[in-house]
Amino acid sequence: MIANAMAVLHITYNRNPQTSKAGYDGFYKVITSYRYRRLSKSHWTINTEESPQAVWQKLKEYVDPSDYFLMMPLDPTWLSAKDRTVLGWLAAGP
């Protein structure tokens, strides 16, 4: 069963190793406290009933202003109107 579509958030995070004073370990710990999928080195999805603002409150201390950070909710209609397999996989987590 797939959770509410707005509960799946896509997060892109790329730490700037030259200037960032943020701690990646803390970022990783917060992300992995959710049902999550790591899509690539810098891309994650998490399944949560929390708002994006609530998730940001947990992550912001681990993101330096010089880092690249983007978070957006995934809408299942963006993926496919007929096949919900991908959203189901993202929502399932590890």
C-alpha atoms as a PDB file:
ATOM      1  CA  MET A   1       0.000   0.000   0.000  1.00  0.00           C
ATOM      2  CA  ILE A   2       1.274   3.458  -0.863  1.00  0.00           C
ATOM      3  CA  ALA A   3       1.236   6.192   1.745  1.00  0.00           C
ATOM      4  CA  ASN A   4      -0.147   9.635   1.000  1.00  0.00           C
ATOM      5  CA  ALA A   5       1.760  10.861  -2.091  1.00  0.00           C
ATOM      6  CA  MET A   6       2.740  14.134  -0.450  1.00  0.00           C
ATOM      7  CA  ALA A   7       4.510  12.126   2.240  1.00  0.00           C
ATOM      8  CA  VAL A   8       7.319  11.277  -0.208  1.00  0.00           C
ATOM      9  CA  LEU A   9       9.960  14.003  -0.296  1.00  0.00           C
ATOM     10  CA  HIS A  10      12.861  14.207  -2.734  1.00  0.00           C
ATOM     11  CA  ILE A  11      16.025  15.690  -1.234  1.00  0.00           C
ATOM     12  CA  THR A  12      19.129  16.740  -3.137  1.00  0.00           C
ATOM     13  CA  TYR A  13      22.139  17.569  -0.986  1.00  0.00           C
ATOM     14  CA  ASN A  14      25.650  18.273  -2.201  1.00  0.00           C
ATOM     15  CA  ARG A  15      28.105  19.316   0.501  1.00  0.00           C
ATOM     16  CA  ASN A  16      30.743  21.845  -0.572  1.00  0.00           C
ATOM     17  CA  PRO A  17      33.939  20.216   0.759  1.00  0.00           C
ATOM     18  CA  GLN A  18      36.032  23.389   0.369  1.00  0.00           C
ATOM     19  CA  THR A  19      33.834  25.720   2.436  1.00  0.00           C
ATOM     20  CA  SER A  20      31.181  23.729   4.287  1.00  0.00           C
ATOM     21  CA  LYS A  21      31.314  23.611   8.053  1.00  0.00           C
ATOM     22  CA  ALA A  22      28.248  21.344   8.187  1.00  0.00           C
ATOM     23  CA  GLY A  23      28.448  17.798   9.467  1.00  0.00           C
ATOM     24  CA  TYR A  24      27.457  15.194   6.886  1.00  0.00           C
ATOM     25  CA  ASP A  25      27.166  12.510   9.574  1.00  0.00           C
ATOM     26  CA  GLY A  26      24.318  14.427  11.223  1.00  0.00           C
ATOM     27  CA  PHE A  27      22.572  14.896   7.871  1.00  0.00           C
ATOM     28  CA  TYR A  28      22.864  11.182   7.150  1.00  0.00           C
ATOM     29  CA  LYS A  29      21.550  10.264  10.604  1.00  0.00           C
ATOM     30  CA  VAL A  30      18.440  12.421  10.134  1.00  0.00           C
ATOM     31  CA  ILE A  31      17.750  11.076   6.615  1.00  0.00           C
ATOM     32  CA  THR A  32      18.138   7.457   7.699  1.00  0.00           C
ATOM     33  CA  SER A  33      15.762   7.958  10.629  1.00  0.00           C
ATOM     34  CA  TYR A  34      12.963   7.936   8.002  1.00  0.00           C
ATOM     35  CA  ARG A  35      11.932   5.248   5.562  1.00  0.00           C
ATOM     36  CA  TYR A  36      14.331   6.299   2.829  1.00  0.00           C
ATOM     37  CA  ARG A  37      15.905   5.436  -0.510  1.00  0.00           C
ATOM     38  CA  ARG A  38      19.253   6.717  -1.645  1.00  0.00           C
ATOM     39  CA  LEU A  39      18.854   7.274  -5.367  1.00  0.00           C
ATOM     40  CA  SER A  40      22.426   8.427  -6.023  1.00  0.00           C
ATOM     41  CA  LYS A  41      25.331  10.046  -4.206  1.00  0.00           C
ATOM     42  CA  SER A  42      23.411  13.312  -3.702  1.00  0.00           C
ATOM     43  CA  HIS A  43      19.746  12.314  -4.115  1.00  0.00           C
ATOM     44  CA  TRP A  44      17.423  10.795  -1.529  1.00  0.00           C
ATOM     45  CA  THR A  45      13.722  10.182  -1.054  1.00  0.00           C
ATOM     46  CA  ILE A  46      12.107   9.884   2.341  1.00  0.00           C
ATOM     47  CA  ASN A  47       8.620   8.801   3.278  1.00  0.00           C
ATOM     48  CA  THR A  48       7.196  10.841   6.131  1.00  0.00           C
ATOM     49  CA  GLU A  49       3.953  12.277   7.401  1.00  0.00           C
ATOM     50  CA  GLU A  50       5.886  15.377   8.501  1.00  0.00           C
ATOM     51  CA  SER A  51       5.684  18.571   6.488  1.00  0.00           C
ATOM     52  CA  PRO A  52       8.707  19.649   4.437  1.00  0.00           C
ATOM     53  CA  GLN A  53       9.134  22.508   6.937  1.00  0.00           C
ATOM     54  CA  ALA A  54       9.363  20.039   9.852  1.00  0.00           C
ATOM     55  CA  VAL A  55      11.944  17.935   8.003  1.00  0.00           C
ATOM     56  CA  TRP A  56      13.940  21.093   7.194  1.00  0.00           C
ATOM     57  CA  GLN A  57      13.975  22.028  10.892  1.00  0.00           C
ATOM     58  CA  LYS A  58      15.751  18.729  11.588  1.00  0.00           C
ATOM     59  CA  LEU A  59      18.184  19.009   8.667  1.00  0.00           C
ATOM     60  CA  LYS A  60      19.115  22.686   8.622  1.00  0.00           C
ATOM     61  CA  GLU A  61      21.849  22.488  11.255  1.00  0.00           C
ATOM     62  CA  TYR A  62      23.665  20.020   8.977  1.00  0.00           C
ATOM     63  CA  VAL A  63      23.444  22.159   5.821  1.00  0.00           C
ATOM     64  CA  ASP A  64      25.928  24.996   5.350  1.00  0.00           C
ATOM     65  CA  PRO A  65      24.918  28.056   3.264  1.00  0.00           C
ATOM     66  CA  SER A  66      27.657  27.086   0.776  1.00  0.00           C
ATOM     67  CA  ASP A  67      26.132  23.604   0.280  1.00  0.00           C
ATOM     68  CA  TYR A  68      23.516  22.814  -2.357  1.00  0.00           C
ATOM     69  CA  PHE A  69      20.191  21.698  -0.854  1.00  0.00           C
ATOM     70  CA  LEU A  70      16.796  21.170  -2.476  1.00  0.00           C
ATOM     71  CA  MET A  71      13.733  19.436  -1.032  1.00  0.00           C
ATOM     72  CA  MET A  72      10.417  18.961  -2.799  1.00  0.00           C
ATOM     73  CA  PRO A  73       7.382  16.724  -2.411  1.00  0.00           C
ATOM     74  CA  LEU A  74       6.808  14.092  -5.094  1.00  0.00           C
ATOM     75  CA  ASP A  75       3.401  13.911  -6.707  1.00  0.00           C
ATOM     76  CA  PRO A  76       2.541  10.471  -8.160  1.00  0.00           C
ATOM     77  CA  THR A  77       0.999  12.076 -11.253  1.00  0.00           C
ATOM     78  CA  TRP A  78       4.466  13.388 -12.171  1.00  0.00           C
ATOM     79  CA  LEU A  79       5.737   9.819 -12.356  1.00  0.00           C
ATOM     80  CA  SER A  80       2.912   8.074 -14.176  1.00  0.00           C
ATOM     81  CA  ALA A  81      -0.847   8.261 -14.133  1.00  0.00           C
ATOM     82  CA  LYS A  82      -1.130   4.495 -14.706  1.00  0.00           C
ATOM     83  CA  ASP A  83       1.906   2.810 -13.170  1.00  0.00           C
ATOM     84  CA  ARG A  84       2.504   3.496  -9.467  1.00  0.00           C
ATOM     85  CA  THR A  85       5.378   0.992  -9.226  1.00  0.00           C
ATOM     86  CA  VAL A  86       8.092   3.645  -8.907  1.00  0.00           C
ATOM     87  CA  LEU A  87       6.233   5.620  -6.249  1.00  0.00           C
ATOM     88  CA  GLY A  88       5.523   2.380  -4.377  1.00  0.00           C
ATOM     89  CA  TRP A  89       9.232   1.535  -4.404  1.00  0.00           C
ATOM     90  CA  LEU A  90      10.164   5.017  -3.190  1.00  0.00           C
ATOM     91  CA  ALA A  91       7.535   4.927  -0.447  1.00  0.00           C
ATOM     92  CA  ALA A  92       8.547   1.471   0.786  1.00  0.00           C
ATOM     93  CA  GLY A  93      12.013   2.453   2.023  1.00  0.00           C
ATOM     94  CA  PRO A  94      14.681  -0.078   3.002  1.00  0.00           C
END
